[in-house]
Amino acid sequence: MGQSIVVDNRGGAGGIIGADLVAKSPADGYTLLFGGFGPNAVNASIFASMPYDPAKDFAPVIEVFRTANVLWSAPRSA
């Protein structure tokens, strides 16, 4: 690519901290969010308020991975 890449891993709050940083960054094409289900889909359902809107503040660029989701639960007791 001919230029340096800086990874700024901002962990915590289920990805909200890093996603908020990217959402408030200039839309210059140089700041990217590598996020999965947490900051992009799940958090909006489980947190009462979010500092960003995943649907409005981000635009998808490329699908990097795909995973299967499985929900497990304990068997019902009689």
PDB file of N, CA and C in Angstrom:
ATOM      1  N   MET A   1       0.815  -1.196   0.000  1.00  0.00           N
ATOM      2  CA  MET A   1       0.000   0.000   0.000  1.00  0.00           C
ATOM      3  C   MET A   1       0.856   1.256   0.000  1.00  0.00           C
ATOM      4  N   GLY A   2       2.092   1.141   0.376  1.00  0.00           N
ATOM      5  CA  GLY A   2       2.982   2.286   0.312  1.00  0.00           C
ATOM      6  C   GLY A   2       2.838   3.277   1.455  1.00  0.00           C
ATOM      7  N   GLN A   3       2.134   2.920   2.490  1.00  0.00           N
ATOM      8  CA  GLN A   3       2.020   3.813   3.639  1.00  0.00           C
ATOM      9  C   GLN A   3       1.861   3.010   4.916  1.00  0.00           C
ATOM     10  N   SER A   4       2.091   3.659   6.021  1.00  0.00           N
ATOM     11  CA  SER A   4       1.994   2.986   7.306  1.00  0.00           C
ATOM     12  C   SER A   4       0.540   2.749   7.684  1.00  0.00           C
ATOM     13  N   ILE A   5       0.318   1.681   8.451  1.00  0.00           N
ATOM     14  CA  ILE A   5      -0.997   1.394   9.006  1.00  0.00           C
ATOM     15  C   ILE A   5      -0.860   1.380  10.519  1.00  0.00           C
ATOM     16  N   VAL A   6      -1.701   2.123  11.192  1.00  0.00           N
ATOM     17  CA  VAL A   6      -1.685   2.200  12.646  1.00  0.00           C
ATOM     18  C   VAL A   6      -2.936   1.500  13.171  1.00  0.00           C
ATOM     19  N   VAL A   7      -2.751   0.537  14.050  1.00  0.00           N
ATOM     20  CA  VAL A   7      -3.866  -0.152  14.682  1.00  0.00           C
ATOM     21  C   VAL A   7      -4.026   0.430  16.078  1.00  0.00           C
ATOM     22  N   ASP A   8      -5.185   0.987  16.345  1.00  0.00           N
ATOM     23  CA  ASP A   8      -5.483   1.585  17.645  1.00  0.00           C
ATOM     24  C   ASP A   8      -6.587   0.751  18.282  1.00  0.00           C
ATOM     25  N   ASN A   9      -6.198  -0.260  19.042  1.00  0.00           N
ATOM     26  CA  ASN A   9      -7.153  -1.195  19.631  1.00  0.00           C
ATOM     27  C   ASN A   9      -7.758  -0.572  20.877  1.00  0.00           C
ATOM     28  N   ARG A  10      -9.009  -0.138  20.767  1.00  0.00           N
ATOM     29  CA  ARG A  10      -9.706   0.475  21.898  1.00  0.00           C
ATOM     30  C   ARG A  10     -10.751  -0.511  22.418  1.00  0.00           C
ATOM     31  N   GLY A  11     -10.350  -1.350  23.298  1.00  0.00           N
ATOM     32  CA  GLY A  11     -11.257  -2.364  23.839  1.00  0.00           C
ATOM     33  C   GLY A  11     -12.135  -1.809  24.943  1.00  0.00           C
ATOM     34  N   GLY A  12     -13.219  -2.507  25.192  1.00  0.00           N
ATOM     35  CA  GLY A  12     -14.103  -2.166  26.299  1.00  0.00           C
ATOM     36  C   GLY A  12     -15.503  -1.824  25.867  1.00  0.00           C
ATOM     37  N   ALA A  13     -16.429  -2.053  26.764  1.00  0.00           N
ATOM     38  CA  ALA A  13     -17.842  -1.719  26.585  1.00  0.00           C
ATOM     39  C   ALA A  13     -18.443  -2.425  25.371  1.00  0.00           C
ATOM     40  N   GLY A  14     -18.006  -3.628  25.099  1.00  0.00           N
ATOM     41  CA  GLY A  14     -18.565  -4.390  23.991  1.00  0.00           C
ATOM     42  C   GLY A  14     -18.281  -3.786  22.627  1.00  0.00           C
ATOM     43  N   GLY A  15     -17.207  -3.026  22.520  1.00  0.00           N
ATOM     44  CA  GLY A  15     -16.841  -2.403  21.251  1.00  0.00           C
ATOM     45  C   GLY A  15     -17.331  -0.975  21.101  1.00  0.00           C
ATOM     46  N   ILE A  16     -18.094  -0.481  22.061  1.00  0.00           N
ATOM     47  CA  ILE A  16     -18.663   0.868  21.958  1.00  0.00           C
ATOM     48  C   ILE A  16     -17.577   1.941  21.978  1.00  0.00           C
ATOM     49  N   ILE A  17     -16.545   1.770  22.772  1.00  0.00           N
ATOM     50  CA  ILE A  17     -15.497   2.788  22.890  1.00  0.00           C
ATOM     51  C   ILE A  17     -14.798   3.000  21.546  1.00  0.00           C
ATOM     52  N   GLY A  18     -14.376   1.909  20.921  1.00  0.00           N
ATOM     53  CA  GLY A  18     -13.697   2.030  19.634  1.00  0.00           C
ATOM     54  C   GLY A  18     -14.625   2.492  18.522  1.00  0.00           C
ATOM     55  N   ALA A  19     -15.852   1.981  18.510  1.00  0.00           N
ATOM     56  CA  ALA A  19     -16.803   2.375  17.470  1.00  0.00           C
ATOM     57  C   ALA A  19     -17.167   3.851  17.589  1.00  0.00           C
ATOM     58  N   ASP A  20     -17.293   4.344  18.804  1.00  0.00           N
ATOM     59  CA  ASP A  20     -17.593   5.756  19.007  1.00  0.00           C
ATOM     60  C   ASP A  20     -16.459   6.633  18.507  1.00  0.00           C
ATOM     61  N   LEU A  21     -15.229   6.212  18.745  1.00  0.00           N
ATOM     62  CA  LEU A  21     -14.072   6.957  18.248  1.00  0.00           C
ATOM     63  C   LEU A  21     -14.103   7.054  16.722  1.00  0.00           C
ATOM     64  N   VAL A  22     -14.403   5.944  16.068  1.00  0.00           N
ATOM     65  CA  VAL A  22     -14.454   5.930  14.600  1.00  0.00           C
ATOM     66  C   VAL A  22     -15.643   6.754  14.100  1.00  0.00           C
ATOM     67  N   ALA A  23     -16.780   6.650  14.770  1.00  0.00           N
ATOM     68  CA  ALA A  23     -17.973   7.393  14.343  1.00  0.00           C
ATOM     69  C   ALA A  23     -17.745   8.902  14.402  1.00  0.00           C
ATOM     70  N   LYS A  24     -16.925   9.354  15.345  1.00  0.00           N
ATOM     71  CA  LYS A  24     -16.675  10.789  15.504  1.00  0.00           C
ATOM     72  C   LYS A  24     -15.440  11.263  14.738  1.00  0.00           C
ATOM     73  N   SER A  25     -14.765  10.358  14.037  1.00  0.00           N
ATOM     74  CA  SER A  25     -13.592  10.723  13.243  1.00  0.00           C
ATOM     75  C   SER A  25     -14.035  11.311  11.909  1.00  0.00           C
ATOM     76  N   PRO A  26     -13.180  12.113  11.284  1.00  0.00           N
ATOM     77  CA  PRO A  26     -13.538  12.654   9.969  1.00  0.00           C
ATOM     78  C   PRO A  26     -13.746  11.537   8.948  1.00  0.00           C
ATOM     79  N   ALA A  27     -14.699  11.717   8.065  1.00  0.00           N
ATOM     80  CA  ALA A  27     -14.984  10.723   7.019  1.00  0.00           C
ATOM     81  C   ALA A  27     -14.001  10.915   5.866  1.00  0.00           C
ATOM     82  N   ASP A  28     -12.734  10.573   6.125  1.00  0.00           N
ATOM     83  CA  ASP A  28     -11.682  10.796   5.137  1.00  0.00           C
ATOM     84  C   ASP A  28     -11.253   9.520   4.416  1.00  0.00           C
ATOM     85  N   GLY A  29     -11.824   8.384   4.810  1.00  0.00           N
ATOM     86  CA  GLY A  29     -11.465   7.126   4.171  1.00  0.00           C
ATOM     87  C   GLY A  29     -10.237   6.463   4.765  1.00  0.00           C
ATOM     88  N   TYR A  30      -9.635   7.085   5.775  1.00  0.00           N
ATOM     89  CA  TYR A  30      -8.436   6.528   6.388  1.00  0.00           C
ATOM     90  C   TYR A  30      -8.697   5.884   7.741  1.00  0.00           C
ATOM     91  N   THR A  31      -9.820   6.172   8.338  1.00  0.00           N
ATOM     92  CA  THR A  31     -10.158   5.603   9.637  1.00  0.00           C
ATOM     93  C   THR A  31     -11.220   4.530   9.422  1.00  0.00           C
ATOM     94  N   LEU A  32     -10.888   3.307   9.781  1.00  0.00           N
ATOM     95  CA  LEU A  32     -11.787   2.185   9.559  1.00  0.00           C
ATOM     96  C   LEU A  32     -12.101   1.484  10.874  1.00  0.00           C
ATOM     97  N   LEU A  33     -13.309   0.928  10.958  1.00  0.00           N
ATOM     98  CA  LEU A  33     -13.705   0.137  12.108  1.00  0.00           C
ATOM     99  C   LEU A  33     -13.789  -1.313  11.660  1.00  0.00           C
ATOM    100  N   PHE A  34     -13.007  -2.153  12.304  1.00  0.00           N
ATOM    101  CA  PHE A  34     -13.083  -3.592  12.060  1.00  0.00           C
ATOM    102  C   PHE A  34     -13.899  -4.158  13.205  1.00  0.00           C
ATOM    103  N   GLY A  35     -15.190  -4.275  12.990  1.00  0.00           N
ATOM    104  CA  GLY A  35     -16.076  -4.688  14.068  1.00  0.00           C
ATOM    105  C   GLY A  35     -16.988  -5.808  13.638  1.00  0.00           C
ATOM    106  N   GLY A  36     -17.391  -6.564  14.590  1.00  0.00           N
ATOM    107  CA  GLY A  36     -18.303  -7.672  14.338  1.00  0.00           C
ATOM    108  C   GLY A  36     -19.715  -7.327  14.750  1.00  0.00           C
ATOM    109  N   PHE A  37     -20.408  -8.319  15.289  1.00  0.00           N
ATOM    110  CA  PHE A  37     -21.803  -8.147  15.656  1.00  0.00           C
ATOM    111  C   PHE A  37     -22.002  -7.186  16.820  1.00  0.00           C
ATOM    112  N   GLY A  38     -21.071  -7.175  17.765  1.00  0.00           N
ATOM    113  CA  GLY A  38     -21.230  -6.354  18.973  1.00  0.00           C
ATOM    114  C   GLY A  38     -21.477  -4.886  18.694  1.00  0.00           C
ATOM    115  N   PRO A  39     -20.475  -4.159  18.205  1.00  0.00           N
ATOM    116  CA  PRO A  39     -20.659  -2.724  18.012  1.00  0.00           C
ATOM    117  C   PRO A  39     -21.620  -2.375  16.880  1.00  0.00           C
ATOM    118  N   ASN A  40     -21.878  -3.306  15.979  1.00  0.00           N
ATOM    119  CA  ASN A  40     -22.702  -2.978  14.819  1.00  0.00           C
ATOM    120  C   ASN A  40     -24.152  -3.427  14.909  1.00  0.00           C
ATOM    121  N   ALA A  41     -24.462  -4.390  15.743  1.00  0.00           N
ATOM    122  CA  ALA A  41     -25.837  -4.893  15.778  1.00  0.00           C
ATOM    123  C   ALA A  41     -26.333  -5.157  17.192  1.00  0.00           C
ATOM    124  N   VAL A  42     -25.601  -5.903  17.971  1.00  0.00           N
ATOM    125  CA  VAL A  42     -26.077  -6.357  19.275  1.00  0.00           C
ATOM    126  C   VAL A  42     -26.200  -5.209  20.272  1.00  0.00           C
ATOM    127  N   ASN A  43     -25.215  -4.343  20.336  1.00  0.00           N
ATOM    128  CA  ASN A  43     -25.205  -3.297  21.358  1.00  0.00           C
ATOM    129  C   ASN A  43     -26.419  -2.389  21.298  1.00  0.00           C
ATOM    130  N   ALA A  44     -26.913  -2.096  20.120  1.00  0.00           N
ATOM    131  CA  ALA A  44     -28.092  -1.236  19.992  1.00  0.00           C
ATOM    132  C   ALA A  44     -29.324  -1.876  20.620  1.00  0.00           C
ATOM    133  N   SER A  45     -29.324  -3.184  20.728  1.00  0.00           N
ATOM    134  CA  SER A  45     -30.461  -3.893  21.319  1.00  0.00           C
ATOM    135  C   SER A  45     -30.355  -4.044  22.828  1.00  0.00           C
ATOM    136  N   ILE A  46     -29.146  -4.010  23.368  1.00  0.00           N
ATOM    137  CA  ILE A  46     -28.997  -4.273  24.805  1.00  0.00           C
ATOM    138  C   ILE A  46     -28.644  -3.041  25.637  1.00  0.00           C
ATOM    139  N   PHE A  47     -28.231  -1.966  25.021  1.00  0.00           N
ATOM    140  CA  PHE A  47     -27.916  -0.745  25.762  1.00  0.00           C
ATOM    141  C   PHE A  47     -29.010   0.293  25.526  1.00  0.00           C
ATOM    142  N   ALA A  48     -29.416   0.978  26.590  1.00  0.00           N
ATOM    143  CA  ALA A  48     -30.495   1.961  26.489  1.00  0.00           C
ATOM    144  C   ALA A  48     -30.113   3.141  25.599  1.00  0.00           C
ATOM    145  N   SER A  49     -28.863   3.554  25.655  1.00  0.00           N
ATOM    146  CA  SER A  49     -28.418   4.654  24.801  1.00  0.00           C
ATOM    147  C   SER A  49     -27.037   4.339  24.252  1.00  0.00           C
ATOM    148  N   MET A  50     -26.794   4.816  23.061  1.00  0.00           N
ATOM    149  CA  MET A  50     -25.507   4.605  22.397  1.00  0.00           C
ATOM    150  C   MET A  50     -24.983   5.970  21.957  1.00  0.00           C
ATOM    151  N   PRO A  51     -23.670   6.184  22.004  1.00  0.00           N
ATOM    152  CA  PRO A  51     -23.125   7.480  21.570  1.00  0.00           C
ATOM    153  C   PRO A  51     -23.058   7.620  20.047  1.00  0.00           C
ATOM    154  N   TYR A  52     -23.456   6.593  19.321  1.00  0.00           N
ATOM    155  CA  TYR A  52     -23.454   6.623  17.859  1.00  0.00           C
ATOM    156  C   TYR A  52     -24.622   5.782  17.360  1.00  0.00           C
ATOM    157  N   ASP A  53     -24.970   5.961  16.090  1.00  0.00           N
ATOM    158  CA  ASP A  53     -26.027   5.172  15.460  1.00  0.00           C
ATOM    159  C   ASP A  53     -25.365   4.239  14.450  1.00  0.00           C
ATOM    160  N   PRO A  54     -25.338   2.931  14.717  1.00  0.00           N
ATOM    161  CA  PRO A  54     -24.641   2.013  13.815  1.00  0.00           C
ATOM    162  C   PRO A  54     -25.148   2.052  12.380  1.00  0.00           C
ATOM    163  N   ALA A  55     -26.426   2.301  12.192  1.00  0.00           N
ATOM    164  CA  ALA A  55     -26.990   2.315  10.835  1.00  0.00           C
ATOM    165  C   ALA A  55     -26.657   3.594  10.072  1.00  0.00           C
ATOM    166  N   LYS A  56     -26.504   4.710  10.784  1.00  0.00           N
ATOM    167  CA  LYS A  56     -26.274   5.995  10.117  1.00  0.00           C
ATOM    168  C   LYS A  56     -24.819   6.446  10.110  1.00  0.00           C
ATOM    169  N   ASP A  57     -24.046   6.045  11.120  1.00  0.00           N
ATOM    170  CA  ASP A  57     -22.684   6.557  11.258  1.00  0.00           C
ATOM    171  C   ASP A  57     -21.627   5.743  10.534  1.00  0.00           C
ATOM    172  N   PHE A  58     -22.004   4.581  10.008  1.00  0.00           N
ATOM    173  CA  PHE A  58     -21.024   3.727   9.337  1.00  0.00           C
ATOM    174  C   PHE A  58     -21.551   3.283   7.977  1.00  0.00           C
ATOM    175  N   ALA A  59     -20.643   3.039   7.078  1.00  0.00           N
ATOM    176  CA  ALA A  59     -20.977   2.486   5.759  1.00  0.00           C
ATOM    177  C   ALA A  59     -20.136   1.233   5.562  1.00  0.00           C
ATOM    178  N   PRO A  60     -20.757   0.110   5.207  1.00  0.00           N
ATOM    179  CA  PRO A  60     -19.967  -1.114   5.014  1.00  0.00           C
ATOM    180  C   PRO A  60     -19.012  -0.975   3.835  1.00  0.00           C
ATOM    181  N   VAL A  61     -17.841  -1.569   3.992  1.00  0.00           N
ATOM    182  CA  VAL A  61     -16.824  -1.521   2.938  1.00  0.00           C
ATOM    183  C   VAL A  61     -16.638  -2.900   2.322  1.00  0.00           C
ATOM    184  N   ILE A  62     -16.413  -3.907   3.175  1.00  0.00           N
ATOM    185  CA  ILE A  62     -16.171  -5.256   2.672  1.00  0.00           C
ATOM    186  C   ILE A  62     -16.491  -6.271   3.773  1.00  0.00           C
ATOM    187  N   GLU A  63     -16.956  -7.420   3.378  1.00  0.00           N
ATOM    188  CA  GLU A  63     -17.155  -8.510   4.325  1.00  0.00           C
ATOM    189  C   GLU A  63     -15.843  -9.270   4.437  1.00  0.00           C
ATOM    190  N   VAL A  64     -15.294  -9.302   5.649  1.00  0.00           N
ATOM    191  CA  VAL A  64     -13.998  -9.930   5.867  1.00  0.00           C
ATOM    192  C   VAL A  64     -14.160 -11.365   6.322  1.00  0.00           C
ATOM    193  N   PHE A  65     -15.178 -11.629   7.117  1.00  0.00           N
ATOM    194  CA  PHE A  65     -15.390 -12.981   7.623  1.00  0.00           C
ATOM    195  C   PHE A  65     -16.884 -13.229   7.777  1.00  0.00           C
ATOM    196  N   ARG A  66     -17.235 -14.468   7.859  1.00  0.00           N
ATOM    197  CA  ARG A  66     -18.611 -14.884   8.103  1.00  0.00           C
ATOM    198  C   ARG A  66     -18.583 -16.013   9.111  1.00  0.00           C
ATOM    199  N   THR A  67     -19.436 -15.921  10.103  1.00  0.00           N
ATOM    200  CA  THR A  67     -19.478 -16.952  11.127  1.00  0.00           C
ATOM    201  C   THR A  67     -20.904 -17.454  11.304  1.00  0.00           C
ATOM    202  N   ALA A  68     -21.003 -18.657  11.781  1.00  0.00           N
ATOM    203  CA  ALA A  68     -22.308 -19.204  12.123  1.00  0.00           C
ATOM    204  C   ALA A  68     -22.627 -18.835  13.561  1.00  0.00           C
ATOM    205  N   ASN A  69     -23.850 -18.511  13.820  1.00  0.00           N
ATOM    206  CA  ASN A  69     -24.272 -18.179  15.181  1.00  0.00           C
ATOM    207  C   ASN A  69     -25.096 -19.324  15.737  1.00  0.00           C
ATOM    208  N   VAL A  70     -24.810 -19.667  16.961  1.00  0.00           N
ATOM    209  CA  VAL A  70     -25.524 -20.746  17.627  1.00  0.00           C
ATOM    210  C   VAL A  70     -25.961 -20.239  18.995  1.00  0.00           C
ATOM    211  N   LEU A  71     -27.210 -20.455  19.335  1.00  0.00           N
ATOM    212  CA  LEU A  71     -27.723 -20.089  20.649  1.00  0.00           C
ATOM    213  C   LEU A  71     -27.993 -21.366  21.424  1.00  0.00           C
ATOM    214  N   TRP A  72     -27.334 -21.504  22.552  1.00  0.00           N
ATOM    215  CA  TRP A  72     -27.490 -22.686  23.398  1.00  0.00           C
ATOM    216  C   TRP A  72     -28.257 -22.288  24.632  1.00  0.00           C
ATOM    217  N   SER A  73     -29.031 -23.203  25.148  1.00  0.00           N
ATOM    218  CA  SER A  73     -29.706 -22.964  26.416  1.00  0.00           C
ATOM    219  C   SER A  73     -29.774 -24.279  27.188  1.00  0.00           C
ATOM    220  N   ALA A  74     -30.014 -24.144  28.481  1.00  0.00           N
ATOM    221  CA  ALA A  74     -30.150 -25.346  29.305  1.00  0.00           C
ATOM    222  C   ALA A  74     -31.469 -26.041  28.962  1.00  0.00           C
ATOM    223  N   PRO A  75     -31.481 -27.360  29.039  1.00  0.00           N
ATOM    224  CA  PRO A  75     -32.731 -28.061  28.753  1.00  0.00           C
ATOM    225  C   PRO A  75     -33.785 -27.716  29.817  1.00  0.00           C
ATOM    226  N   ARG A  76     -35.010 -27.713  29.402  1.00  0.00           N
ATOM    227  CA  ARG A  76     -36.097 -27.395  30.329  1.00  0.00           C
ATOM    228  C   ARG A  76     -36.197 -28.485  31.387  1.00  0.00           C
ATOM    229  N   SER A  77     -36.259 -28.094  32.629  1.00  0.00           N
ATOM    230  CA  SER A  77     -36.374 -29.099  33.682  1.00  0.00           C
ATOM    231  C   SER A  77     -37.840 -29.446  33.908  1.00  0.00           C
ATOM    232  N   ALA A  78     -38.069 -30.694  34.253  1.00  0.00           N
ATOM    233  CA  ALA A  78     -39.450 -31.175  34.404  1.00  0.00           C
ATOM    234  C   ALA A  78     -40.034 -30.850  35.741  1.00  0.00           C
TER     235      ALA A  78
END
